[in-house]
């Protein structure tokens, strides 16, 4: 799938590095019984769950990394662009998504089961 409408596609080399850092920072928040074959968003055991993605979780005016894990694509995207895209997806469009800043200080995860998980202060 082409996600260029959301923003700048991150290079393969940078994607691999961001993923490695993300997994490292999230590792203490993972369910222990869920292996690496399970998407990152589904492995997160978050203390904060939500029903909807909330704009207040994100840094206004800054771009965030949107990791569409089922497609192995990372996009540097504006908050309004990715929130609108995810809010308007069709019911059959299942995505496993992690959204975080470039410093990976937090992660908001959306699973294909519609679970929304938030991890602060990574």
C-alpha atoms as a PDB file:
ATOM      1  CA  UNK A   1       0.000   0.000   0.000  1.00  0.00           C
ATOM      2  CA  UNK A   2       1.204   3.503  -0.799  1.00  0.00           C
ATOM      3  CA  UNK A   3       1.382   5.685   2.325  1.00  0.00           C
ATOM      4  CA  UNK A   4       3.150   8.674   0.729  1.00  0.00           C
ATOM      5  CA  UNK A   5       0.005  10.789   1.185  1.00  0.00           C
ATOM      6  CA  UNK A   6       0.692  10.661   4.950  1.00  0.00           C
ATOM      7  CA  UNK A   7       4.175  12.114   4.689  1.00  0.00           C
ATOM      8  CA  UNK A   8       7.789  11.191   4.087  1.00  0.00           C
ATOM      9  CA  UNK A   9       8.562   7.460   3.896  1.00  0.00           C
ATOM     10  CA  UNK A  10      11.527   6.638   6.130  1.00  0.00           C
ATOM     11  CA  UNK A  11      14.396   4.796   4.465  1.00  0.00           C
ATOM     12  CA  UNK A  12      14.808   1.058   5.047  1.00  0.00           C
ATOM     13  CA  UNK A  13      18.058   1.612   6.947  1.00  0.00           C
ATOM     14  CA  UNK A  14      16.489   4.187   9.279  1.00  0.00           C
ATOM     15  CA  UNK A  15      13.351   2.066   9.686  1.00  0.00           C
ATOM     16  CA  UNK A  16      15.399  -0.897  10.891  1.00  0.00           C
ATOM     17  CA  UNK A  17      17.225   1.350  13.393  1.00  0.00           C
ATOM     18  CA  UNK A  18      14.028   3.018  14.676  1.00  0.00           C
ATOM     19  CA  UNK A  19      12.380  -0.402  15.074  1.00  0.00           C
ATOM     20  CA  UNK A  20      15.359  -1.735  17.026  1.00  0.00           C
ATOM     21  CA  UNK A  21      15.277   1.302  19.351  1.00  0.00           C
ATOM     22  CA  UNK A  22      11.502   1.126  19.741  1.00  0.00           C
ATOM     23  CA  UNK A  23      11.562  -2.554  20.714  1.00  0.00           C
ATOM     24  CA  UNK A  24      14.410  -1.877  23.142  1.00  0.00           C
ATOM     25  CA  UNK A  25      12.559   0.952  24.866  1.00  0.00           C
ATOM     26  CA  UNK A  26       9.241  -0.921  24.951  1.00  0.00           C
ATOM     27  CA  UNK A  27      10.674  -4.271  26.079  1.00  0.00           C
ATOM     28  CA  UNK A  28       9.820  -3.724  29.751  1.00  0.00           C
ATOM     29  CA  UNK A  29       6.203  -3.042  28.700  1.00  0.00           C
ATOM     30  CA  UNK A  30       5.731  -6.282  26.730  1.00  0.00           C
ATOM     31  CA  UNK A  31       3.630  -9.260  27.760  1.00  0.00           C
ATOM     32  CA  UNK A  32       6.227 -11.890  28.602  1.00  0.00           C
ATOM     33  CA  UNK A  33       4.371 -14.709  26.820  1.00  0.00           C
ATOM     34  CA  UNK A  34       4.157 -12.981  23.418  1.00  0.00           C
ATOM     35  CA  UNK A  35       7.040 -13.666  21.072  1.00  0.00           C
ATOM     36  CA  UNK A  36       8.655 -11.608  18.335  1.00  0.00           C
ATOM     37  CA  UNK A  37       6.375 -13.014  15.629  1.00  0.00           C
ATOM     38  CA  UNK A  38       3.490 -11.054  17.186  1.00  0.00           C
ATOM     39  CA  UNK A  39       3.211  -7.368  16.151  1.00  0.00           C
ATOM     40  CA  UNK A  40       4.755  -4.852  18.540  1.00  0.00           C
ATOM     41  CA  UNK A  41       1.409  -3.154  19.208  1.00  0.00           C
ATOM     42  CA  UNK A  42      -0.096  -6.480  20.287  1.00  0.00           C
ATOM     43  CA  UNK A  43       2.799  -7.282  22.637  1.00  0.00           C
ATOM     44  CA  UNK A  44       2.437  -4.070  24.652  1.00  0.00           C
ATOM     45  CA  UNK A  45       1.008  -4.482  28.141  1.00  0.00           C
ATOM     46  CA  UNK A  46       0.015  -0.873  28.685  1.00  0.00           C
ATOM     47  CA  UNK A  47      -1.250   0.671  31.880  1.00  0.00           C
ATOM     48  CA  UNK A  48      -3.309   3.124  29.819  1.00  0.00           C
ATOM     49  CA  UNK A  49      -5.931   1.973  27.343  1.00  0.00           C
ATOM     50  CA  UNK A  50      -8.264   4.213  25.357  1.00  0.00           C
ATOM     51  CA  UNK A  51     -11.285   3.971  23.092  1.00  0.00           C
ATOM     52  CA  UNK A  52     -10.109   6.626  20.631  1.00  0.00           C
ATOM     53  CA  UNK A  53      -6.846   8.149  19.501  1.00  0.00           C
ATOM     54  CA  UNK A  54      -6.484  11.506  21.241  1.00  0.00           C
ATOM     55  CA  UNK A  55      -4.684  14.468  19.732  1.00  0.00           C
ATOM     56  CA  UNK A  56      -3.446  15.593  23.160  1.00  0.00           C
ATOM     57  CA  UNK A  57      -1.026  12.636  23.304  1.00  0.00           C
ATOM     58  CA  UNK A  58       1.033  14.045  20.439  1.00  0.00           C
ATOM     59  CA  UNK A  59       3.361  17.042  20.105  1.00  0.00           C
ATOM     60  CA  UNK A  60       1.466  19.695  18.153  1.00  0.00           C
ATOM     61  CA  UNK A  61       3.379  21.100  15.216  1.00  0.00           C
ATOM     62  CA  UNK A  62       5.874  18.236  15.117  1.00  0.00           C
ATOM     63  CA  UNK A  63       5.916  15.232  12.857  1.00  0.00           C
ATOM     64  CA  UNK A  64       5.721  11.757  14.337  1.00  0.00           C
ATOM     65  CA  UNK A  65       6.795   8.371  13.108  1.00  0.00           C
ATOM     66  CA  UNK A  66       3.882   6.156  12.130  1.00  0.00           C
ATOM     67  CA  UNK A  67       4.968   2.529  11.906  1.00  0.00           C
ATOM     68  CA  UNK A  68       2.497   0.536   9.801  1.00  0.00           C
ATOM     69  CA  UNK A  69       3.861  -2.788  10.967  1.00  0.00           C
ATOM     70  CA  UNK A  70       1.761  -5.061   8.731  1.00  0.00           C
ATOM     71  CA  UNK A  71       3.344  -3.255   5.757  1.00  0.00           C
ATOM     72  CA  UNK A  72       6.774  -2.765   7.370  1.00  0.00           C
ATOM     73  CA  UNK A  73       6.635   0.943   6.510  1.00  0.00           C
ATOM     74  CA  UNK A  74       7.471   3.967   8.647  1.00  0.00           C
ATOM     75  CA  UNK A  75       6.187   7.399   7.716  1.00  0.00           C
ATOM     76  CA  UNK A  76       7.207  10.770   9.153  1.00  0.00           C
ATOM     77  CA  UNK A  77       3.767  12.349   9.386  1.00  0.00           C
ATOM     78  CA  UNK A  78       1.882  15.335  10.803  1.00  0.00           C
ATOM     79  CA  UNK A  79      -0.510  14.665  13.681  1.00  0.00           C
ATOM     80  CA  UNK A  80      -3.673  15.735  11.849  1.00  0.00           C
ATOM     81  CA  UNK A  81      -2.763  13.682   8.774  1.00  0.00           C
ATOM     82  CA  UNK A  82      -2.331  10.345  10.543  1.00  0.00           C
ATOM     83  CA  UNK A  83      -5.208  10.875  12.985  1.00  0.00           C
ATOM     84  CA  UNK A  84      -7.578  11.654  10.097  1.00  0.00           C
ATOM     85  CA  UNK A  85      -6.352   8.644   8.105  1.00  0.00           C
ATOM     86  CA  UNK A  86      -6.790   6.243  11.024  1.00  0.00           C
ATOM     87  CA  UNK A  87     -10.195   7.674  11.990  1.00  0.00           C
ATOM     88  CA  UNK A  88     -11.487   7.292   8.424  1.00  0.00           C
ATOM     89  CA  UNK A  89     -10.264   3.771   7.719  1.00  0.00           C
ATOM     90  CA  UNK A  90     -12.793   1.170   6.692  1.00  0.00           C
ATOM     91  CA  UNK A  91     -13.834  -1.535   9.184  1.00  0.00           C
ATOM     92  CA  UNK A  92     -12.029  -4.219   7.192  1.00  0.00           C
ATOM     93  CA  UNK A  93      -8.766  -2.256   7.171  1.00  0.00           C
ATOM     94  CA  UNK A  94      -6.823  -3.890   9.978  1.00  0.00           C
ATOM     95  CA  UNK A  95      -3.576  -2.206  10.901  1.00  0.00           C
ATOM     96  CA  UNK A  96      -1.030  -2.772  13.630  1.00  0.00           C
ATOM     97  CA  UNK A  97       0.372   0.704  14.187  1.00  0.00           C
ATOM     98  CA  UNK A  98       2.880   2.285  16.543  1.00  0.00           C
ATOM     99  CA  UNK A  99       3.111   6.066  16.643  1.00  0.00           C
ATOM    100  CA  UNK A 100       6.020   7.738  18.411  1.00  0.00           C
ATOM    101  CA  UNK A 101       8.274  10.773  18.289  1.00  0.00           C
ATOM    102  CA  UNK A 102      11.752  10.668  16.793  1.00  0.00           C
ATOM    103  CA  UNK A 103      13.304  10.470  20.267  1.00  0.00           C
ATOM    104  CA  UNK A 104      10.958   7.579  21.181  1.00  0.00           C
ATOM    105  CA  UNK A 105       9.840   9.173  24.454  1.00  0.00           C
ATOM    106  CA  UNK A 106       6.349   7.649  24.173  1.00  0.00           C
ATOM    107  CA  UNK A 107       4.396   5.210  22.014  1.00  0.00           C
ATOM    108  CA  UNK A 108       0.733   5.055  21.078  1.00  0.00           C
ATOM    109  CA  UNK A 109      -0.236   1.688  19.629  1.00  0.00           C
ATOM    110  CA  UNK A 110      -3.312   0.683  17.673  1.00  0.00           C
ATOM    111  CA  UNK A 111      -3.898  -3.029  17.134  1.00  0.00           C
ATOM    112  CA  UNK A 112      -5.852  -4.843  14.435  1.00  0.00           C
ATOM    113  CA  UNK A 113      -8.303  -5.677  17.265  1.00  0.00           C
ATOM    114  CA  UNK A 114      -8.995  -1.943  17.725  1.00  0.00           C
ATOM    115  CA  UNK A 115      -7.118  -1.784  21.043  1.00  0.00           C
ATOM    116  CA  UNK A 116      -5.449   1.555  21.700  1.00  0.00           C
ATOM    117  CA  UNK A 117      -2.539   1.475  24.132  1.00  0.00           C
ATOM    118  CA  UNK A 118      -0.409   4.316  25.438  1.00  0.00           C
ATOM    119  CA  UNK A 119       3.057   4.077  26.967  1.00  0.00           C
ATOM    120  CA  UNK A 120       4.523   7.304  28.383  1.00  0.00           C
ATOM    121  CA  UNK A 121       8.074   8.196  29.360  1.00  0.00           C
ATOM    122  CA  UNK A 122      10.108   5.543  27.610  1.00  0.00           C
END
